[in-house]
Amino acid sequence: MPSLSEAYDRGEWTGRDPRRVSAGGSLFVVGALAVVTAILVLTTGLAAVFDATTTTETRRVAGVLAGLGIPAMFLGVVAVLPASRRERLGVLVGAALNVGGVALFHRAYPSQWVEASESLAFPTAMVYFVGGSVALWFVLSAVASFKLRNNPQGTVRLEVTRQGETEEIHVSRSQYRRYKRAVQGNDEHSEAVAEELRALHED
C-alpha cells in the first residue's frame, strides 16, 4: 500500500489545496471530539464544565454536542476527499438540516418533547434524520468516487522488477496484451513495447 507521500508524488492528489485538506481533517477531528465529549458528559462528571447541574441540562448539552459533531465529521470527509461540487453541496445541505434539527432540539427539550401536548420530538427527529441521510449519501458517493479513481475497473496490475527493485503499475487490458506478446516475443514491435513498459516503470 503506497504511503501518503507516494500518493502525492504519483499525482493522485494533484490540485488539492493543502489548506482545504488540513481544514477538513481538523473539522473531522473536532466533530469526533464533540461526539466523544457528548458521551463523557452523559457518563462522567464532565457536565459541570458546561454548567449543566441537572439531568435535563446534561442531556441537552450532550444532544447538542453529538448533534453538531456528526455533520462536522461529514463535512470534514468531503473537504479532504477530491469530491465533486455536487457532492460537497449535497453534504452541506444535509449538514444544514442537521443543524436545524439541533436547533429544534435545543428549543423543544424538555418542555416540548415526547410527553408534551405540542411535542416537537417527531419533527425534530425527522429533520435530523433527513439531513443525516442526505449528508451520508453524498459522503458515501464521494468515497466511492475516490476509490474508483484510484482503482479503476478494467485495469491490470503488473509487478515490474528492474535492477532489484519491484514496483506495481496499472495498465489497461489492451496494453497488458501487448506487453504479454512482447514478453513472449510474438510482437514485431516488441522492443518498442518493452521501452514503453520501462518508461511506465520509471514514472
N, C-alpha and C. Protein backbone atom coordinates (compact mmCIF):
# COMPACT_ATOMS: atom_id res chain seq x y z
N MET A 1 0.84 -1.19 0.00
CA MET A 1 0.00 0.00 0.00
C MET A 1 0.88 1.25 0.00
N PRO A 2 0.64 2.20 -0.93
CA PRO A 2 1.52 3.35 -1.02
C PRO A 2 1.37 4.28 0.16
N SER A 3 2.48 4.95 0.49
CA SER A 3 2.42 5.93 1.55
C SER A 3 1.76 7.19 1.04
N LEU A 4 1.44 8.11 1.97
CA LEU A 4 0.79 9.35 1.57
C LEU A 4 1.69 10.17 0.65
N SER A 5 2.99 10.19 0.96
CA SER A 5 3.91 10.96 0.11
C SER A 5 3.99 10.37 -1.29
N GLU A 6 3.95 9.03 -1.39
CA GLU A 6 3.97 8.39 -2.70
C GLU A 6 2.72 8.71 -3.48
N ALA A 7 1.59 8.76 -2.78
CA ALA A 7 0.34 9.08 -3.45
C ALA A 7 0.39 10.48 -4.03
N TYR A 8 0.95 11.41 -3.28
CA TYR A 8 1.09 12.77 -3.79
C TYR A 8 2.05 12.79 -4.98
N ASP A 9 3.15 12.04 -4.87
CA ASP A 9 4.13 12.02 -5.94
C ASP A 9 3.54 11.48 -7.23
N ARG A 10 2.62 10.51 -7.14
CA ARG A 10 2.02 9.92 -8.32
C ARG A 10 0.91 10.79 -8.89
N GLY A 11 0.56 11.88 -8.19
CA GLY A 11 -0.43 12.78 -8.73
C GLY A 11 -1.85 12.46 -8.35
N GLU A 12 -2.09 11.50 -7.45
CA GLU A 12 -3.46 11.15 -7.08
C GLU A 12 -4.15 12.30 -6.36
N TRP A 13 -3.35 13.19 -5.77
CA TRP A 13 -3.92 14.32 -5.04
C TRP A 13 -3.56 15.64 -5.73
N THR A 14 -3.24 15.55 -7.01
CA THR A 14 -2.87 16.75 -7.74
C THR A 14 -4.01 17.75 -7.73
N GLY A 15 -3.69 19.00 -7.48
CA GLY A 15 -4.70 20.04 -7.49
C GLY A 15 -5.42 20.22 -6.17
N ARG A 16 -5.12 19.40 -5.18
CA ARG A 16 -5.77 19.51 -3.89
C ARG A 16 -5.11 20.63 -3.10
N ASP A 17 -5.92 21.51 -2.57
CA ASP A 17 -5.44 22.62 -1.77
C ASP A 17 -5.05 22.09 -0.39
N PRO A 18 -3.77 22.16 -0.01
CA PRO A 18 -3.35 21.63 1.30
C PRO A 18 -4.11 22.28 2.45
N ARG A 19 -4.47 23.55 2.29
CA ARG A 19 -5.23 24.22 3.36
C ARG A 19 -6.61 23.63 3.51
N ARG A 20 -7.23 23.27 2.38
CA ARG A 20 -8.56 22.65 2.45
C ARG A 20 -8.47 21.27 3.10
N VAL A 21 -7.42 20.52 2.72
CA VAL A 21 -7.23 19.20 3.31
C VAL A 21 -7.03 19.31 4.82
N SER A 22 -6.20 20.27 5.24
CA SER A 22 -5.94 20.47 6.67
C SER A 22 -7.21 20.90 7.40
N ALA A 23 -7.97 21.83 6.77
CA ALA A 23 -9.20 22.30 7.39
C ALA A 23 -10.21 21.16 7.50
N GLY A 24 -10.30 20.34 6.47
CA GLY A 24 -11.22 19.20 6.51
C GLY A 24 -10.84 18.20 7.58
N GLY A 25 -9.54 17.91 7.67
CA GLY A 25 -9.09 16.99 8.72
C GLY A 25 -9.35 17.54 10.11
N SER A 26 -9.12 18.84 10.28
CA SER A 26 -9.37 19.46 11.58
C SER A 26 -10.86 19.43 11.92
N LEU A 27 -11.70 19.70 10.92
CA LEU A 27 -13.14 19.68 11.15
C LEU A 27 -13.62 18.28 11.54
N PHE A 28 -13.06 17.27 10.89
CA PHE A 28 -13.42 15.89 11.24
C PHE A 28 -13.02 15.58 12.68
N VAL A 29 -11.81 15.98 13.06
CA VAL A 29 -11.34 15.72 14.43
C VAL A 29 -12.21 16.45 15.45
N VAL A 30 -12.55 17.71 15.17
CA VAL A 30 -13.41 18.47 16.08
C VAL A 30 -14.77 17.80 16.22
N GLY A 31 -15.33 17.34 15.10
CA GLY A 31 -16.62 16.65 15.17
C GLY A 31 -16.54 15.37 15.99
N ALA A 32 -15.47 14.60 15.78
CA ALA A 32 -15.29 13.37 16.55
C ALA A 32 -15.14 13.66 18.03
N LEU A 33 -14.38 14.72 18.36
CA LEU A 33 -14.20 15.10 19.76
C LEU A 33 -15.52 15.55 20.38
N ALA A 34 -16.37 16.22 19.58
CA ALA A 34 -17.67 16.65 20.09
C ALA A 34 -18.53 15.44 20.45
N VAL A 35 -18.51 14.41 19.61
CA VAL A 35 -19.29 13.20 19.89
C VAL A 35 -18.75 12.50 21.14
N VAL A 36 -17.44 12.39 21.24
CA VAL A 36 -16.83 11.77 22.42
C VAL A 36 -17.15 12.57 23.67
N THR A 37 -17.09 13.88 23.56
CA THR A 37 -17.42 14.73 24.70
C THR A 37 -18.87 14.55 25.13
N ALA A 38 -19.77 14.41 24.17
CA ALA A 38 -21.18 14.17 24.48
C ALA A 38 -21.35 12.89 25.30
N ILE A 39 -20.60 11.87 24.92
CA ILE A 39 -20.67 10.60 25.67
C ILE A 39 -20.14 10.79 27.09
N LEU A 40 -19.04 11.52 27.21
CA LEU A 40 -18.46 11.75 28.53
C LEU A 40 -19.36 12.63 29.39
N VAL A 41 -20.05 13.57 28.78
CA VAL A 41 -20.98 14.41 29.53
C VAL A 41 -22.08 13.57 30.16
N LEU A 42 -22.54 12.57 29.43
CA LEU A 42 -23.60 11.70 29.95
C LEU A 42 -23.11 10.69 30.97
N THR A 43 -21.86 10.30 30.89
CA THR A 43 -21.39 9.18 31.70
C THR A 43 -20.41 9.57 32.81
N THR A 44 -19.93 10.81 32.79
CA THR A 44 -18.97 11.25 33.81
C THR A 44 -19.43 12.58 34.39
N GLY A 45 -18.57 13.19 35.18
CA GLY A 45 -18.89 14.48 35.76
C GLY A 45 -18.51 15.65 34.88
N LEU A 46 -18.26 15.41 33.60
CA LEU A 46 -17.84 16.47 32.69
C LEU A 46 -18.94 17.51 32.45
N ALA A 47 -20.18 17.15 32.77
CA ALA A 47 -21.29 18.08 32.56
C ALA A 47 -21.09 19.38 33.32
N ALA A 48 -20.38 19.30 34.44
CA ALA A 48 -20.17 20.50 35.26
C ALA A 48 -19.38 21.57 34.50
N VAL A 49 -18.55 21.15 33.55
CA VAL A 49 -17.78 22.09 32.75
C VAL A 49 -18.72 22.99 31.93
N PHE A 50 -19.87 22.45 31.56
CA PHE A 50 -20.84 23.20 30.76
C PHE A 50 -21.95 23.80 31.63
N ASP A 51 -21.73 23.85 32.94
CA ASP A 51 -22.71 24.38 33.89
C ASP A 51 -24.04 23.62 33.84
N ALA A 52 -23.96 22.35 33.50
CA ALA A 52 -25.16 21.51 33.47
C ALA A 52 -25.26 20.80 34.82
N THR A 53 -26.19 21.25 35.65
CA THR A 53 -26.29 20.73 37.01
C THR A 53 -27.43 19.74 37.18
N THR A 54 -28.34 19.66 36.22
CA THR A 54 -29.46 18.73 36.31
C THR A 54 -29.37 17.71 35.17
N THR A 55 -30.15 16.64 35.32
CA THR A 55 -30.17 15.62 34.27
C THR A 55 -30.67 16.19 32.95
N THR A 56 -31.68 17.05 33.03
CA THR A 56 -32.23 17.66 31.81
C THR A 56 -31.19 18.50 31.09
N GLU A 57 -30.47 19.32 31.83
CA GLU A 57 -29.43 20.17 31.22
C GLU A 57 -28.30 19.32 30.65
N THR A 58 -27.96 18.25 31.36
CA THR A 58 -26.90 17.36 30.89
C THR A 58 -27.28 16.72 29.56
N ARG A 59 -28.52 16.26 29.45
CA ARG A 59 -28.98 15.64 28.21
C ARG A 59 -29.04 16.65 27.07
N ARG A 60 -29.43 17.88 27.38
CA ARG A 60 -29.48 18.90 26.33
C ARG A 60 -28.08 19.18 25.79
N VAL A 61 -27.13 19.34 26.70
CA VAL A 61 -25.75 19.60 26.28
C VAL A 61 -25.21 18.45 25.44
N ALA A 62 -25.43 17.23 25.91
CA ALA A 62 -24.94 16.06 25.17
C ALA A 62 -25.61 15.96 23.80
N GLY A 63 -26.90 16.23 23.74
CA GLY A 63 -27.61 16.17 22.46
C GLY A 63 -27.09 17.18 21.46
N VAL A 64 -26.83 18.39 21.93
CA VAL A 64 -26.31 19.43 21.04
C VAL A 64 -24.91 19.08 20.55
N LEU A 65 -24.05 18.61 21.46
CA LEU A 65 -22.68 18.27 21.07
C LEU A 65 -22.65 17.14 20.04
N ALA A 66 -23.38 16.08 20.33
CA ALA A 66 -23.41 14.96 19.40
C ALA A 66 -24.08 15.35 18.09
N GLY A 67 -25.16 16.13 18.20
CA GLY A 67 -25.88 16.53 17.00
C GLY A 67 -25.06 17.39 16.06
N LEU A 68 -24.19 18.22 16.60
CA LEU A 68 -23.32 19.05 15.76
C LEU A 68 -22.05 18.32 15.34
N GLY A 69 -21.62 17.37 16.15
CA GLY A 69 -20.38 16.65 15.84
C GLY A 69 -20.49 15.77 14.60
N ILE A 70 -21.64 15.13 14.43
CA ILE A 70 -21.81 14.21 13.30
C ILE A 70 -21.74 14.94 11.95
N PRO A 71 -22.52 16.01 11.74
CA PRO A 71 -22.38 16.70 10.45
C PRO A 71 -21.01 17.33 10.25
N ALA A 72 -20.35 17.73 11.34
CA ALA A 72 -18.99 18.25 11.21
C ALA A 72 -18.05 17.18 10.65
N MET A 73 -18.22 15.95 11.08
CA MET A 73 -17.41 14.85 10.55
C MET A 73 -17.70 14.61 9.08
N PHE A 74 -18.98 14.67 8.70
CA PHE A 74 -19.34 14.51 7.30
C PHE A 74 -18.68 15.58 6.43
N LEU A 75 -18.77 16.83 6.90
CA LEU A 75 -18.16 17.93 6.15
C LEU A 75 -16.65 17.77 6.05
N GLY A 76 -16.03 17.28 7.12
CA GLY A 76 -14.60 17.06 7.10
C GLY A 76 -14.18 16.04 6.06
N VAL A 77 -14.98 14.99 5.89
CA VAL A 77 -14.65 13.94 4.93
C VAL A 77 -14.65 14.48 3.50
N VAL A 78 -15.73 15.21 3.14
CA VAL A 78 -15.80 15.70 1.75
C VAL A 78 -14.81 16.83 1.50
N ALA A 79 -14.37 17.50 2.56
CA ALA A 79 -13.35 18.53 2.38
C ALA A 79 -11.99 17.91 2.09
N VAL A 80 -11.72 16.76 2.69
CA VAL A 80 -10.44 16.08 2.50
C VAL A 80 -10.39 15.37 1.15
N LEU A 81 -11.48 14.67 0.82
CA LEU A 81 -11.51 13.92 -0.44
C LEU A 81 -11.66 14.86 -1.64
N PRO A 82 -11.15 14.46 -2.81
CA PRO A 82 -11.37 15.26 -4.02
C PRO A 82 -12.80 15.07 -4.53
N ALA A 83 -13.78 15.55 -3.77
CA ALA A 83 -15.18 15.37 -4.11
C ALA A 83 -15.61 16.38 -5.16
N SER A 84 -16.71 16.07 -5.85
CA SER A 84 -17.26 16.98 -6.84
C SER A 84 -18.03 18.10 -6.16
N ARG A 85 -18.35 19.12 -6.92
CA ARG A 85 -19.12 20.24 -6.36
C ARG A 85 -20.50 19.76 -5.91
N ARG A 86 -21.10 18.85 -6.68
CA ARG A 86 -22.42 18.32 -6.32
C ARG A 86 -22.36 17.57 -4.99
N GLU A 87 -21.30 16.79 -4.79
CA GLU A 87 -21.17 16.04 -3.54
C GLU A 87 -20.95 16.97 -2.36
N ARG A 88 -20.14 18.00 -2.55
CA ARG A 88 -19.92 18.95 -1.45
C ARG A 88 -21.20 19.70 -1.12
N LEU A 89 -21.94 20.11 -2.16
CA LEU A 89 -23.19 20.82 -1.94
C LEU A 89 -24.21 19.92 -1.23
N GLY A 90 -24.25 18.64 -1.64
CA GLY A 90 -25.18 17.70 -1.01
C GLY A 90 -24.89 17.52 0.48
N VAL A 91 -23.62 17.37 0.82
CA VAL A 91 -23.26 17.23 2.23
C VAL A 91 -23.55 18.52 3.00
N LEU A 92 -23.30 19.65 2.35
CA LEU A 92 -23.56 20.93 3.00
C LEU A 92 -25.05 21.11 3.29
N VAL A 93 -25.90 20.72 2.35
CA VAL A 93 -27.36 20.80 2.57
C VAL A 93 -27.77 19.87 3.70
N GLY A 94 -27.26 18.64 3.68
CA GLY A 94 -27.58 17.69 4.75
C GLY A 94 -27.12 18.18 6.10
N ALA A 95 -25.91 18.75 6.16
CA ALA A 95 -25.39 19.27 7.42
C ALA A 95 -26.22 20.44 7.92
N ALA A 96 -26.70 21.29 6.99
CA ALA A 96 -27.54 22.41 7.38
C ALA A 96 -28.85 21.92 8.00
N LEU A 97 -29.42 20.86 7.44
CA LEU A 97 -30.62 20.27 8.02
C LEU A 97 -30.33 19.70 9.41
N ASN A 98 -29.16 19.09 9.55
CA ASN A 98 -28.76 18.58 10.87
C ASN A 98 -28.70 19.70 11.90
N VAL A 99 -28.10 20.82 11.51
CA VAL A 99 -28.01 21.97 12.42
C VAL A 99 -29.41 22.47 12.75
N GLY A 100 -30.30 22.48 11.75
CA GLY A 100 -31.69 22.86 12.02
C GLY A 100 -32.34 21.93 13.02
N GLY A 101 -32.07 20.64 12.88
CA GLY A 101 -32.61 19.67 13.84
C GLY A 101 -32.08 19.89 15.24
N VAL A 102 -30.80 20.22 15.33
CA VAL A 102 -30.20 20.51 16.64
C VAL A 102 -30.84 21.75 17.26
N ALA A 103 -31.09 22.77 16.43
CA ALA A 103 -31.72 23.99 16.94
C ALA A 103 -33.13 23.69 17.45
N LEU A 104 -33.86 22.86 16.73
CA LEU A 104 -35.20 22.46 17.18
C LEU A 104 -35.11 21.70 18.50
N PHE A 105 -34.13 20.80 18.61
CA PHE A 105 -33.95 20.03 19.84
C PHE A 105 -33.66 20.95 21.02
N HIS A 106 -32.76 21.91 20.80
CA HIS A 106 -32.39 22.82 21.88
C HIS A 106 -33.60 23.63 22.35
N ARG A 107 -34.46 23.99 21.41
CA ARG A 107 -35.65 24.76 21.76
C ARG A 107 -36.72 23.88 22.42
N ALA A 108 -36.90 22.67 21.92
CA ALA A 108 -38.02 21.84 22.35
C ALA A 108 -37.75 21.05 23.63
N TYR A 109 -36.50 20.69 23.88
CA TYR A 109 -36.21 19.81 25.02
C TYR A 109 -36.04 20.64 26.30
N PRO A 110 -36.73 20.29 27.39
CA PRO A 110 -37.67 19.16 27.54
C PRO A 110 -39.16 19.57 27.48
N SER A 111 -39.42 20.88 27.43
CA SER A 111 -40.81 21.34 27.59
C SER A 111 -41.73 20.90 26.45
N GLN A 112 -41.18 20.73 25.24
CA GLN A 112 -41.99 20.30 24.10
C GLN A 112 -41.48 18.99 23.51
N TRP A 113 -41.10 18.11 24.44
CA TRP A 113 -40.53 16.85 23.98
C TRP A 113 -41.61 15.77 23.97
N VAL A 114 -41.28 14.54 24.24
CA VAL A 114 -42.14 13.40 23.95
C VAL A 114 -43.52 13.49 24.60
N GLU A 115 -43.60 13.84 25.87
CA GLU A 115 -44.87 13.78 26.58
C GLU A 115 -45.64 15.10 26.57
N ALA A 116 -45.14 16.10 25.87
CA ALA A 116 -45.81 17.40 25.82
C ALA A 116 -47.01 17.34 24.88
N SER A 117 -48.00 18.22 25.14
CA SER A 117 -49.19 18.26 24.29
C SER A 117 -48.86 18.75 22.88
N GLU A 118 -47.93 19.68 22.76
CA GLU A 118 -47.46 20.16 21.45
C GLU A 118 -46.01 19.73 21.25
N SER A 119 -45.84 18.44 21.15
CA SER A 119 -44.49 17.87 21.08
C SER A 119 -43.82 18.17 19.74
N LEU A 120 -42.55 18.53 19.83
CA LEU A 120 -41.73 18.74 18.63
C LEU A 120 -40.71 17.61 18.44
N ALA A 121 -40.87 16.54 19.21
CA ALA A 121 -39.91 15.44 19.15
C ALA A 121 -39.87 14.81 17.76
N PHE A 122 -41.04 14.51 17.21
CA PHE A 122 -41.07 13.84 15.90
C PHE A 122 -40.55 14.76 14.78
N PRO A 123 -41.01 16.01 14.67
CA PRO A 123 -40.44 16.88 13.63
C PRO A 123 -38.93 17.06 13.77
N THR A 124 -38.47 17.17 15.01
CA THR A 124 -37.03 17.33 15.23
C THR A 124 -36.27 16.11 14.74
N ALA A 125 -36.77 14.92 15.11
CA ALA A 125 -36.11 13.69 14.69
C ALA A 125 -36.12 13.54 13.17
N MET A 126 -37.24 13.91 12.52
CA MET A 126 -37.34 13.78 11.07
C MET A 126 -36.39 14.74 10.35
N VAL A 127 -36.31 15.97 10.83
CA VAL A 127 -35.40 16.94 10.21
C VAL A 127 -33.96 16.44 10.32
N TYR A 128 -33.60 15.95 11.50
CA TYR A 128 -32.22 15.48 11.68
C TYR A 128 -31.97 14.22 10.87
N PHE A 129 -32.96 13.33 10.83
CA PHE A 129 -32.79 12.08 10.08
C PHE A 129 -32.62 12.35 8.59
N VAL A 130 -33.46 13.22 8.04
CA VAL A 130 -33.35 13.54 6.61
C VAL A 130 -32.00 14.19 6.31
N GLY A 131 -31.61 15.14 7.16
CA GLY A 131 -30.31 15.79 6.96
C GLY A 131 -29.16 14.80 7.02
N GLY A 132 -29.19 13.93 8.03
CA GLY A 132 -28.13 12.94 8.15
C GLY A 132 -28.09 11.98 6.99
N SER A 133 -29.27 11.57 6.49
CA SER A 133 -29.34 10.65 5.36
C SER A 133 -28.78 11.28 4.10
N VAL A 134 -29.16 12.54 3.85
CA VAL A 134 -28.65 13.25 2.67
C VAL A 134 -27.14 13.40 2.75
N ALA A 135 -26.65 13.85 3.91
CA ALA A 135 -25.21 14.05 4.06
C ALA A 135 -24.45 12.73 3.91
N LEU A 136 -24.96 11.68 4.54
CA LEU A 136 -24.28 10.38 4.47
C LEU A 136 -24.26 9.85 3.04
N TRP A 137 -25.35 10.03 2.31
CA TRP A 137 -25.41 9.56 0.92
C TRP A 137 -24.30 10.19 0.07
N PHE A 138 -24.14 11.49 0.21
CA PHE A 138 -23.13 12.18 -0.60
C PHE A 138 -21.72 11.90 -0.09
N VAL A 139 -21.57 11.65 1.20
CA VAL A 139 -20.26 11.23 1.71
C VAL A 139 -19.86 9.88 1.10
N LEU A 140 -20.80 8.94 1.11
CA LEU A 140 -20.52 7.62 0.52
C LEU A 140 -20.26 7.73 -0.97
N SER A 141 -20.97 8.63 -1.64
CA SER A 141 -20.74 8.86 -3.06
C SER A 141 -19.33 9.38 -3.31
N ALA A 142 -18.88 10.31 -2.46
CA ALA A 142 -17.54 10.86 -2.60
C ALA A 142 -16.48 9.79 -2.34
N VAL A 143 -16.71 8.96 -1.32
CA VAL A 143 -15.75 7.89 -1.01
C VAL A 143 -15.68 6.89 -2.15
N ALA A 144 -16.86 6.51 -2.69
CA ALA A 144 -16.89 5.54 -3.79
C ALA A 144 -16.21 6.10 -5.03
N SER A 145 -16.44 7.37 -5.33
CA SER A 145 -15.80 8.00 -6.49
C SER A 145 -14.29 8.05 -6.33
N PHE A 146 -13.84 8.36 -5.12
CA PHE A 146 -12.41 8.42 -4.84
C PHE A 146 -11.75 7.06 -5.02
N LYS A 147 -12.39 6.01 -4.49
CA LYS A 147 -11.84 4.66 -4.61
C LYS A 147 -11.83 4.22 -6.06
N LEU A 148 -12.88 4.60 -6.82
CA LEU A 148 -12.94 4.20 -8.22
C LEU A 148 -11.83 4.87 -9.03
N ARG A 149 -11.55 6.16 -8.71
CA ARG A 149 -10.50 6.85 -9.43
C ARG A 149 -9.13 6.25 -9.14
N ASN A 150 -8.94 5.73 -7.94
CA ASN A 150 -7.63 5.17 -7.56
C ASN A 150 -7.53 3.67 -7.83
N ASN A 151 -8.66 3.04 -8.19
CA ASN A 151 -8.64 1.63 -8.54
C ASN A 151 -9.61 1.41 -9.68
N PRO A 152 -9.33 1.98 -10.85
CA PRO A 152 -10.28 1.93 -11.96
C PRO A 152 -10.54 0.50 -12.42
N GLN A 153 -11.77 0.25 -12.85
CA GLN A 153 -12.13 -1.07 -13.35
C GLN A 153 -11.50 -1.27 -14.73
N GLY A 154 -11.30 -2.52 -15.07
CA GLY A 154 -10.78 -2.82 -16.40
C GLY A 154 -9.28 -2.64 -16.52
N THR A 155 -8.57 -2.54 -15.41
CA THR A 155 -7.12 -2.42 -15.47
C THR A 155 -6.47 -3.67 -14.91
N VAL A 156 -5.21 -3.85 -15.28
CA VAL A 156 -4.45 -5.00 -14.82
C VAL A 156 -3.25 -4.48 -14.03
N ARG A 157 -2.99 -5.09 -12.90
CA ARG A 157 -1.85 -4.69 -12.08
C ARG A 157 -0.64 -5.54 -12.44
N LEU A 158 0.44 -4.87 -12.77
CA LEU A 158 1.68 -5.56 -13.10
C LEU A 158 2.74 -5.24 -12.07
N GLU A 159 3.56 -6.22 -11.77
CA GLU A 159 4.71 -6.02 -10.90
C GLU A 159 5.95 -6.01 -11.79
N VAL A 160 6.59 -4.87 -11.86
CA VAL A 160 7.76 -4.71 -12.71
C VAL A 160 9.01 -4.73 -11.84
N THR A 161 9.92 -5.62 -12.15
CA THR A 161 11.17 -5.73 -11.40
C THR A 161 12.32 -5.32 -12.30
N ARG A 162 13.08 -4.37 -11.82
CA ARG A 162 14.23 -3.89 -12.60
C ARG A 162 15.33 -3.48 -11.63
N GLN A 163 16.51 -4.01 -11.89
CA GLN A 163 17.67 -3.72 -11.06
C GLN A 163 17.38 -3.99 -9.58
N GLY A 164 16.67 -5.07 -9.32
CA GLY A 164 16.41 -5.50 -7.96
C GLY A 164 15.27 -4.78 -7.26
N GLU A 165 14.62 -3.81 -7.94
CA GLU A 165 13.52 -3.07 -7.34
C GLU A 165 12.21 -3.45 -8.03
N THR A 166 11.18 -3.68 -7.22
CA THR A 166 9.87 -4.08 -7.73
C THR A 166 8.88 -2.96 -7.50
N GLU A 167 8.11 -2.65 -8.54
CA GLU A 167 7.10 -1.59 -8.44
C GLU A 167 5.82 -2.05 -9.13
N GLU A 168 4.68 -1.66 -8.58
CA GLU A 168 3.39 -2.01 -9.17
C GLU A 168 2.93 -0.88 -10.08
N ILE A 169 2.45 -1.25 -11.27
CA ILE A 169 1.85 -0.28 -12.18
C ILE A 169 0.52 -0.83 -12.66
N HIS A 170 -0.39 0.06 -13.03
CA HIS A 170 -1.70 -0.33 -13.55
C HIS A 170 -1.78 0.03 -15.02
N VAL A 171 -2.16 -0.94 -15.83
CA VAL A 171 -2.28 -0.72 -17.27
C VAL A 171 -3.64 -1.23 -17.73
N SER A 172 -4.07 -0.78 -18.89
CA SER A 172 -5.32 -1.27 -19.45
C SER A 172 -5.13 -2.70 -19.94
N ARG A 173 -6.27 -3.36 -20.19
CA ARG A 173 -6.17 -4.75 -20.64
C ARG A 173 -5.54 -4.85 -22.03
N SER A 174 -5.81 -3.87 -22.89
CA SER A 174 -5.20 -3.89 -24.22
C SER A 174 -3.68 -3.72 -24.12
N GLN A 175 -3.24 -2.82 -23.22
CA GLN A 175 -1.81 -2.66 -23.01
C GLN A 175 -1.20 -3.94 -22.47
N TYR A 176 -1.92 -4.58 -21.54
CA TYR A 176 -1.40 -5.82 -20.95
C TYR A 176 -1.20 -6.88 -22.03
N ARG A 177 -2.15 -6.99 -22.98
CA ARG A 177 -2.00 -7.99 -24.04
C ARG A 177 -0.78 -7.69 -24.91
N ARG A 178 -0.54 -6.39 -25.17
CA ARG A 178 0.63 -6.02 -25.95
C ARG A 178 1.91 -6.39 -25.21
N TYR A 179 1.93 -6.09 -23.91
CA TYR A 179 3.13 -6.40 -23.12
C TYR A 179 3.35 -7.91 -23.05
N LYS A 180 2.25 -8.64 -22.96
CA LYS A 180 2.38 -10.10 -22.88
C LYS A 180 2.97 -10.65 -24.17
N ARG A 181 2.49 -10.14 -25.32
CA ARG A 181 3.05 -10.59 -26.59
C ARG A 181 4.52 -10.20 -26.71
N ALA A 182 4.84 -9.01 -26.19
CA ALA A 182 6.24 -8.57 -26.27
C ALA A 182 7.15 -9.48 -25.47
N VAL A 183 6.69 -9.85 -24.27
CA VAL A 183 7.50 -10.75 -23.44
C VAL A 183 7.67 -12.10 -24.09
N GLN A 184 6.60 -12.56 -24.80
CA GLN A 184 6.66 -13.87 -25.46
C GLN A 184 7.39 -13.81 -26.80
N GLY A 185 7.71 -12.59 -27.24
CA GLY A 185 8.43 -12.44 -28.50
C GLY A 185 7.56 -12.60 -29.72
N ASN A 186 6.23 -12.42 -29.57
CA ASN A 186 5.32 -12.61 -30.69
C ASN A 186 4.86 -11.30 -31.31
N ASP A 187 5.43 -10.20 -30.94
CA ASP A 187 5.02 -8.90 -31.45
C ASP A 187 6.20 -8.30 -32.21
N GLU A 188 5.93 -7.88 -33.44
CA GLU A 188 7.01 -7.32 -34.26
C GLU A 188 7.56 -6.02 -33.68
N HIS A 189 6.76 -5.38 -32.82
CA HIS A 189 7.21 -4.16 -32.18
C HIS A 189 7.56 -4.40 -30.71
N SER A 190 8.04 -5.58 -30.42
CA SER A 190 8.27 -5.95 -29.03
C SER A 190 9.28 -5.04 -28.34
N GLU A 191 10.29 -4.60 -29.07
CA GLU A 191 11.30 -3.75 -28.45
C GLU A 191 10.71 -2.40 -28.06
N ALA A 192 9.85 -1.85 -28.94
CA ALA A 192 9.22 -0.56 -28.64
C ALA A 192 8.28 -0.69 -27.44
N VAL A 193 7.56 -1.80 -27.38
CA VAL A 193 6.66 -2.03 -26.25
C VAL A 193 7.45 -2.20 -24.97
N ALA A 194 8.58 -2.88 -25.05
CA ALA A 194 9.41 -3.05 -23.86
C ALA A 194 9.93 -1.71 -23.36
N GLU A 195 10.30 -0.81 -24.28
CA GLU A 195 10.74 0.52 -23.88
C GLU A 195 9.59 1.30 -23.22
N GLU A 196 8.39 1.13 -23.76
CA GLU A 196 7.22 1.79 -23.17
C GLU A 196 6.97 1.29 -21.76
N LEU A 197 7.14 0.01 -21.54
CA LEU A 197 6.95 -0.57 -20.22
C LEU A 197 8.00 -0.05 -19.26
N ARG A 198 9.22 0.09 -19.73
CA ARG A 198 10.26 0.65 -18.88
C ARG A 198 9.95 2.09 -18.52
N ALA A 199 9.44 2.85 -19.48
CA ALA A 199 9.08 4.25 -19.20
C ALA A 199 7.97 4.32 -18.15
N LEU A 200 6.98 3.43 -18.23
CA LEU A 200 5.92 3.40 -17.21
C LEU A 200 6.50 3.09 -15.85
N HIS A 201 7.43 2.18 -15.82
CA HIS A 201 8.07 1.80 -14.56
C HIS A 201 8.83 2.98 -13.96
N GLU A 202 9.56 3.72 -14.81
CA GLU A 202 10.34 4.85 -14.32
C GLU A 202 9.45 5.99 -13.85
N ASP A 203 8.22 6.15 -14.44
CA ASP A 203 7.29 7.19 -13.98
C ASP A 203 6.76 6.89 -12.60
